[in-house]
């Protein structure tokens, strides 16, 4: 099943310029989608916004569970 989408002539030219000889618009858009998907996954994998360093984790663990003598 195919779908028609409306885009500006300017955007159509940008997409066309990303293609290689013989590529259809679908080929180019599929490549763009795959690259974007991989970049999003990498962003999730390397996101350190809710991380702590190993040193900080050890410090907190030692406070919580001090060594018994």
PDB file of N, CA and C in Angstrom:
ATOM      1  N   UNK A   1       0.851  -1.178   0.000  1.00  0.00           N
ATOM      2  CA  UNK A   1       0.000   0.000   0.000  1.00  0.00           C
ATOM      3  C   UNK A   1       0.897   1.241   0.000  1.00  0.00           C
ATOM      4  N   UNK A   2       0.595   2.183  -0.810  1.00  0.00           N
ATOM      5  CA  UNK A   2       1.360   3.425  -0.867  1.00  0.00           C
ATOM      6  C   UNK A   2       0.543   4.566  -0.282  1.00  0.00           C
ATOM      7  N   UNK A   3       1.264   5.572   0.167  1.00  0.00           N
ATOM      8  CA  UNK A   3       0.650   6.764   0.739  1.00  0.00           C
ATOM      9  C   UNK A   3       1.282   7.980   0.092  1.00  0.00           C
ATOM     10  N   UNK A   4       0.494   8.974  -0.154  1.00  0.00           N
ATOM     11  CA  UNK A   4       0.997  10.227  -0.696  1.00  0.00           C
ATOM     12  C   UNK A   4       1.096  11.238   0.439  1.00  0.00           C
ATOM     13  N   UNK A   5       2.228  11.925   0.511  1.00  0.00           N
ATOM     14  CA  UNK A   5       2.380  12.981   1.513  1.00  0.00           C
ATOM     15  C   UNK A   5       2.688  14.291   0.797  1.00  0.00           C
ATOM     16  N   UNK A   6       2.256  15.372   1.384  1.00  0.00           N
ATOM     17  CA  UNK A   6       2.524  16.685   0.811  1.00  0.00           C
ATOM     18  C   UNK A   6       3.732  17.300   1.494  1.00  0.00           C
ATOM     19  N   UNK A   7       4.718  17.690   0.695  1.00  0.00           N
ATOM     20  CA  UNK A   7       5.886  18.397   1.209  1.00  0.00           C
ATOM     21  C   UNK A   7       6.188  19.546   0.268  1.00  0.00           C
ATOM     22  N   UNK A   8       6.926  20.505   0.759  1.00  0.00           N
ATOM     23  CA  UNK A   8       7.257  21.651  -0.081  1.00  0.00           C
ATOM     24  C   UNK A   8       8.269  21.235  -1.144  1.00  0.00           C
ATOM     25  N   UNK A   9       8.341  22.017  -2.194  1.00  0.00           N
ATOM     26  CA  UNK A   9       9.328  21.768  -3.246  1.00  0.00           C
ATOM     27  C   UNK A   9      10.737  21.860  -2.681  1.00  0.00           C
ATOM     28  N   UNK A  10      10.937  22.794  -1.751  1.00  0.00           N
ATOM     29  CA  UNK A  10      12.251  22.955  -1.128  1.00  0.00           C
ATOM     30  C   UNK A  10      12.666  21.685  -0.372  1.00  0.00           C
ATOM     31  N   UNK A  11      11.757  21.126   0.410  1.00  0.00           N
ATOM     32  CA  UNK A  11      12.073  19.903   1.145  1.00  0.00           C
ATOM     33  C   UNK A  11      12.276  18.734   0.190  1.00  0.00           C
ATOM     34  N   UNK A  12      11.475  18.650  -0.837  1.00  0.00           N
ATOM     35  CA  UNK A  12      11.638  17.579  -1.833  1.00  0.00           C
ATOM     36  C   UNK A  12      13.037  17.626  -2.431  1.00  0.00           C
ATOM     37  N   UNK A  13      13.542  18.822  -2.722  1.00  0.00           N
ATOM     38  CA  UNK A  13      14.884  18.969  -3.286  1.00  0.00           C
ATOM     39  C   UNK A  13      15.954  18.565  -2.276  1.00  0.00           C
ATOM     40  N   UNK A  14      15.738  18.915  -1.018  1.00  0.00           N
ATOM     41  CA  UNK A  14      16.691  18.518   0.025  1.00  0.00           C
ATOM     42  C   UNK A  14      16.774  16.999   0.133  1.00  0.00           C
ATOM     43  N   UNK A  15      15.616  16.353   0.116  1.00  0.00           N
ATOM     44  CA  UNK A  15      15.587  14.886   0.190  1.00  0.00           C
ATOM     45  C   UNK A  15      16.237  14.286  -1.054  1.00  0.00           C
ATOM     46  N   UNK A  16      15.938  14.840  -2.202  1.00  0.00           N
ATOM     47  CA  UNK A  16      16.518  14.340  -3.453  1.00  0.00           C
ATOM     48  C   UNK A  16      18.040  14.457  -3.423  1.00  0.00           C
ATOM     49  N   UNK A  17      18.548  15.549  -2.867  1.00  0.00           N
ATOM     50  CA  UNK A  17      19.995  15.759  -2.809  1.00  0.00           C
ATOM     51  C   UNK A  17      20.694  14.799  -1.852  1.00  0.00           C
ATOM     52  N   UNK A  18      19.952  14.186  -0.946  1.00  0.00           N
ATOM     53  CA  UNK A  18      20.531  13.192  -0.044  1.00  0.00           C
ATOM     54  C   UNK A  18      20.647  11.817  -0.699  1.00  0.00           C
ATOM     55  N   UNK A  19      19.941  11.642  -1.786  1.00  0.00           N
ATOM     56  CA  UNK A  19      19.920  10.335  -2.437  1.00  0.00           C
ATOM     57  C   UNK A  19      21.138  10.062  -3.296  1.00  0.00           C
ATOM     58  N   UNK A  20      21.275   8.793  -3.632  1.00  0.00           N
ATOM     59  CA  UNK A  20      22.317   8.346  -4.554  1.00  0.00           C
ATOM     60  C   UNK A  20      21.654   8.063  -5.898  1.00  0.00           C
ATOM     61  N   UNK A  21      22.474   7.880  -6.901  1.00  0.00           N
ATOM     62  CA  UNK A  21      21.933   7.586  -8.235  1.00  0.00           C
ATOM     63  C   UNK A  21      21.038   6.347  -8.147  1.00  0.00           C
ATOM     64  N   UNK A  22      19.853   6.473  -8.655  1.00  0.00           N
ATOM     65  CA  UNK A  22      18.919   5.350  -8.676  1.00  0.00           C
ATOM     66  C   UNK A  22      18.052   5.225  -7.437  1.00  0.00           C
ATOM     67  N   UNK A  23      18.300   6.030  -6.408  1.00  0.00           N
ATOM     68  CA  UNK A  23      17.483   5.977  -5.190  1.00  0.00           C
ATOM     69  C   UNK A  23      16.107   6.563  -5.436  1.00  0.00           C
ATOM     70  N   UNK A  24      15.121   5.943  -4.830  1.00  0.00           N
ATOM     71  CA  UNK A  24      13.783   6.533  -4.810  1.00  0.00           C
ATOM     72  C   UNK A  24      13.683   7.394  -3.545  1.00  0.00           C
ATOM     73  N   UNK A  25      12.624   8.187  -3.452  1.00  0.00           N
ATOM     74  CA  UNK A  25      12.412   8.961  -2.233  1.00  0.00           C
ATOM     75  C   UNK A  25      12.254   8.014  -1.042  1.00  0.00           C
ATOM     76  N   UNK A  26      11.611   6.883  -1.270  1.00  0.00           N
ATOM     77  CA  UNK A  26      11.439   5.899  -0.201  1.00  0.00           C
ATOM     78  C   UNK A  26      12.793   5.376   0.284  1.00  0.00           C
ATOM     79  N   UNK A  27      13.727   5.123  -0.633  1.00  0.00           N
ATOM     80  CA  UNK A  27      15.068   4.678  -0.240  1.00  0.00           C
ATOM     81  C   UNK A  27      15.732   5.705   0.675  1.00  0.00           C
ATOM     82  N   UNK A  28      15.675   6.956   0.272  1.00  0.00           N
ATOM     83  CA  UNK A  28      16.313   8.026   1.042  1.00  0.00           C
ATOM     84  C   UNK A  28      15.650   8.172   2.409  1.00  0.00           C
ATOM     85  N   UNK A  29      14.335   8.164   2.449  1.00  0.00           N
ATOM     86  CA  UNK A  29      13.618   8.323   3.718  1.00  0.00           C
ATOM     87  C   UNK A  29      13.870   7.133   4.625  1.00  0.00           C
ATOM     88  N   UNK A  30      13.925   5.925   4.082  1.00  0.00           N
ATOM     89  CA  UNK A  30      14.251   4.751   4.891  1.00  0.00           C
ATOM     90  C   UNK A  30      15.644   4.867   5.500  1.00  0.00           C
ATOM     91  N   UNK A  31      16.615   5.329   4.729  1.00  0.00           N
ATOM     92  CA  UNK A  31      17.969   5.516   5.252  1.00  0.00           C
ATOM     93  C   UNK A  31      17.982   6.571   6.363  1.00  0.00           C
ATOM     94  N   UNK A  32      17.254   7.659   6.143  1.00  0.00           N
ATOM     95  CA  UNK A  32      17.160   8.711   7.156  1.00  0.00           C
ATOM     96  C   UNK A  32      16.534   8.160   8.439  1.00  0.00           C
ATOM     97  N   UNK A  33      15.500   7.367   8.296  1.00  0.00           N
ATOM     98  CA  UNK A  33      14.822   6.763   9.447  1.00  0.00           C
ATOM     99  C   UNK A  33      15.782   5.860  10.222  1.00  0.00           C
ATOM    100  N   UNK A  34      16.505   4.996   9.524  1.00  0.00           N
ATOM    101  CA  UNK A  34      17.431   4.070  10.195  1.00  0.00           C
ATOM    102  C   UNK A  34      18.541   4.816  10.924  1.00  0.00           C
ATOM    103  N   UNK A  35      19.092   5.841  10.298  1.00  0.00           N
ATOM    104  CA  UNK A  35      20.131   6.636  10.961  1.00  0.00           C
ATOM    105  C   UNK A  35      19.589   7.331  12.201  1.00  0.00           C
ATOM    106  N   UNK A  36      18.395   7.875  12.096  1.00  0.00           N
ATOM    107  CA  UNK A  36      17.775   8.554  13.233  1.00  0.00           C
ATOM    108  C   UNK A  36      17.496   7.573  14.360  1.00  0.00           C
ATOM    109  N   UNK A  37      16.989   6.401  14.023  1.00  0.00           N
ATOM    110  CA  UNK A  37      16.695   5.377  15.026  1.00  0.00           C
ATOM    111  C   UNK A  37      17.966   4.967  15.763  1.00  0.00           C
ATOM    112  N   UNK A  38      19.046   4.757  15.023  1.00  0.00           N
ATOM    113  CA  UNK A  38      20.325   4.381  15.645  1.00  0.00           C
ATOM    114  C   UNK A  38      20.861   5.495  16.527  1.00  0.00           C
ATOM    115  N   UNK A  39      20.745   6.737  16.080  1.00  0.00           N
ATOM    116  CA  UNK A  39      21.213   7.868  16.885  1.00  0.00           C
ATOM    117  C   UNK A  39      20.399   8.025  18.165  1.00  0.00           C
ATOM    118  N   UNK A  40      19.096   7.791  18.099  1.00  0.00           N
ATOM    119  CA  UNK A  40      18.264   7.855  19.297  1.00  0.00           C
ATOM    120  C   UNK A  40      18.664   6.770  20.279  1.00  0.00           C
ATOM    121  N   UNK A  41      18.898   5.563  19.778  1.00  0.00           N
ATOM    122  CA  UNK A  41      19.317   4.462  20.638  1.00  0.00           C
ATOM    123  C   UNK A  41      20.654   4.777  21.304  1.00  0.00           C
ATOM    124  N   UNK A  42      21.598   5.289  20.533  1.00  0.00           N
ATOM    125  CA  UNK A  42      22.889   5.670  21.110  1.00  0.00           C
ATOM    126  C   UNK A  42      22.717   6.750  22.168  1.00  0.00           C
ATOM    127  N   UNK A  43      21.824   7.682  21.912  1.00  0.00           N
ATOM    128  CA  UNK A  43      21.549   8.725  22.891  1.00  0.00           C
ATOM    129  C   UNK A  43      21.032   8.154  24.194  1.00  0.00           C
ATOM    130  N   UNK A  44      20.144   7.165  24.115  1.00  0.00           N
ATOM    131  CA  UNK A  44      19.632   6.530  25.324  1.00  0.00           C
ATOM    132  C   UNK A  44      20.735   5.756  26.039  1.00  0.00           C
ATOM    133  N   UNK A  45      21.558   5.047  25.282  1.00  0.00           N
ATOM    134  CA  UNK A  45      22.606   4.229  25.877  1.00  0.00           C
ATOM    135  C   UNK A  45      23.672   5.060  26.572  1.00  0.00           C
ATOM    136  N   UNK A  46      23.985   6.215  26.024  1.00  0.00           N
ATOM    137  CA  UNK A  46      25.052   7.047  26.575  1.00  0.00           C
ATOM    138  C   UNK A  46      24.546   8.188  27.452  1.00  0.00           C
ATOM    139  N   UNK A  47      23.263   8.206  27.731  1.00  0.00           N
ATOM    140  CA  UNK A  47      22.693   9.256  28.582  1.00  0.00           C
ATOM    141  C   UNK A  47      23.169   9.060  30.016  1.00  0.00           C
ATOM    142  N   UNK A  48      23.857  10.038  30.540  1.00  0.00           N
ATOM    143  CA  UNK A  48      24.387   9.955  31.897  1.00  0.00           C
ATOM    144  C   UNK A  48      23.657  10.889  32.856  1.00  0.00           C
ATOM    145  N   UNK A  49      22.515  11.408  32.436  1.00  0.00           N
ATOM    146  CA  UNK A  49      21.816  12.405  33.245  1.00  0.00           C
ATOM    147  C   UNK A  49      21.341  11.856  34.589  1.00  0.00           C
ATOM    148  N   UNK A  50      21.088  10.565  34.693  1.00  0.00           N
ATOM    149  CA  UNK A  50      20.648  10.003  35.969  1.00  0.00           C
ATOM    150  C   UNK A  50      21.668   8.995  36.513  1.00  0.00           C
ATOM    151  N   UNK A  51      22.938   9.205  36.178  1.00  0.00           N
ATOM    152  CA  UNK A  51      24.010   8.301  36.604  1.00  0.00           C
ATOM    153  C   UNK A  51      24.887   8.961  37.659  1.00  0.00           C
ATOM    154  N   UNK A  52      25.569   8.126  38.413  1.00  0.00           N
ATOM    155  CA  UNK A  52      26.575   8.596  39.350  1.00  0.00           C
ATOM    156  C   UNK A  52      27.870   7.858  39.037  1.00  0.00           C
ATOM    157  N   UNK A  53      28.982   8.462  39.398  1.00  0.00           N
ATOM    158  CA  UNK A  53      30.269   7.816  39.153  1.00  0.00           C
ATOM    159  C   UNK A  53      30.426   6.616  40.078  1.00  0.00           C
ATOM    160  N   UNK A  54      31.333   5.728  39.735  1.00  0.00           N
ATOM    161  CA  UNK A  54      31.603   4.562  40.567  1.00  0.00           C
ATOM    162  C   UNK A  54      32.092   5.009  41.940  1.00  0.00           C
ATOM    163  N   UNK A  55      32.972   6.014  41.967  1.00  0.00           N
ATOM    164  CA  UNK A  55      33.482   6.520  43.242  1.00  0.00           C
ATOM    165  C   UNK A  55      32.354   7.028  44.131  1.00  0.00           C
ATOM    166  N   UNK A  56      31.421   7.760  43.544  1.00  0.00           N
ATOM    167  CA  UNK A  56      30.284   8.280  44.307  1.00  0.00           C
ATOM    168  C   UNK A  56      29.392   7.136  44.795  1.00  0.00           C
ATOM    169  N   UNK A  57      29.164   6.136  43.957  1.00  0.00           N
ATOM    170  CA  UNK A  57      28.345   4.984  44.357  1.00  0.00           C
ATOM    171  C   UNK A  57      29.003   4.225  45.505  1.00  0.00           C
ATOM    172  N   UNK A  58      30.315   4.041  45.425  1.00  0.00           N
ATOM    173  CA  UNK A  58      31.039   3.361  46.508  1.00  0.00           C
ATOM    174  C   UNK A  58      30.963   4.158  47.806  1.00  0.00           C
ATOM    175  N   UNK A  59      31.107   5.457  47.708  1.00  0.00           N
ATOM    176  CA  UNK A  59      31.034   6.335  48.879  1.00  0.00           C
ATOM    177  C   UNK A  59      29.665   6.193  49.557  1.00  0.00           C
ATOM    178  N   UNK A  60      28.617   6.231  48.756  1.00  0.00           N
ATOM    179  CA  UNK A  60      27.257   6.089  49.297  1.00  0.00           C
ATOM    180  C   UNK A  60      27.044   4.698  49.887  1.00  0.00           C
ATOM    181  N   UNK A  61      27.573   3.667  49.233  1.00  0.00           N
ATOM    182  CA  UNK A  61      27.417   2.298  49.734  1.00  0.00           C
ATOM    183  C   UNK A  61      28.143   2.127  51.057  1.00  0.00           C
ATOM    184  N   UNK A  62      29.319   2.725  51.166  1.00  0.00           N
ATOM    185  CA  UNK A  62      30.077   2.617  52.422  1.00  0.00           C
ATOM    186  C   UNK A  62      29.361   3.329  53.571  1.00  0.00           C
ATOM    187  N   UNK A  63      28.675   4.432  53.261  1.00  0.00           N
ATOM    188  CA  UNK A  63      27.893   5.117  54.292  1.00  0.00           C
ATOM    189  C   UNK A  63      26.728   4.238  54.748  1.00  0.00           C
ATOM    190  N   UNK A  64      26.101   3.607  53.775  1.00  0.00           N
ATOM    191  CA  UNK A  64      24.914   2.807  54.062  1.00  0.00           C
ATOM    192  C   UNK A  64      25.274   1.479  54.732  1.00  0.00           C
ATOM    193  N   UNK A  65      26.356   0.866  54.301  1.00  0.00           N
ATOM    194  CA  UNK A  65      26.768  -0.441  54.822  1.00  0.00           C
ATOM    195  C   UNK A  65      28.239  -0.399  55.253  1.00  0.00           C
ATOM    196  N   UNK A  66      28.509   0.233  56.382  1.00  0.00           N
ATOM    197  CA  UNK A  66      29.895   0.304  56.836  1.00  0.00           C
ATOM    198  C   UNK A  66      30.437  -1.079  57.167  1.00  0.00           C
ATOM    199  N   UNK A  67      31.746  -1.238  57.041  1.00  0.00           N
ATOM    200  CA  UNK A  67      32.373  -2.518  57.367  1.00  0.00           C
ATOM    201  C   UNK A  67      32.207  -2.786  58.856  1.00  0.00           C
ATOM    202  N   UNK A  68      31.957  -4.053  59.165  1.00  0.00           N
ATOM    203  CA  UNK A  68      31.904  -4.421  60.585  1.00  0.00           C
ATOM    204  C   UNK A  68      33.272  -4.946  60.994  1.00  0.00           C
ATOM    205  N   UNK A  69      33.704  -4.632  62.207  1.00  0.00           N
ATOM    206  CA  UNK A  69      35.035  -5.025  62.669  1.00  0.00           C
ATOM    207  C   UNK A  69      35.056  -6.379  63.282  1.00  0.00           C
TER     208      UNK A  69
END
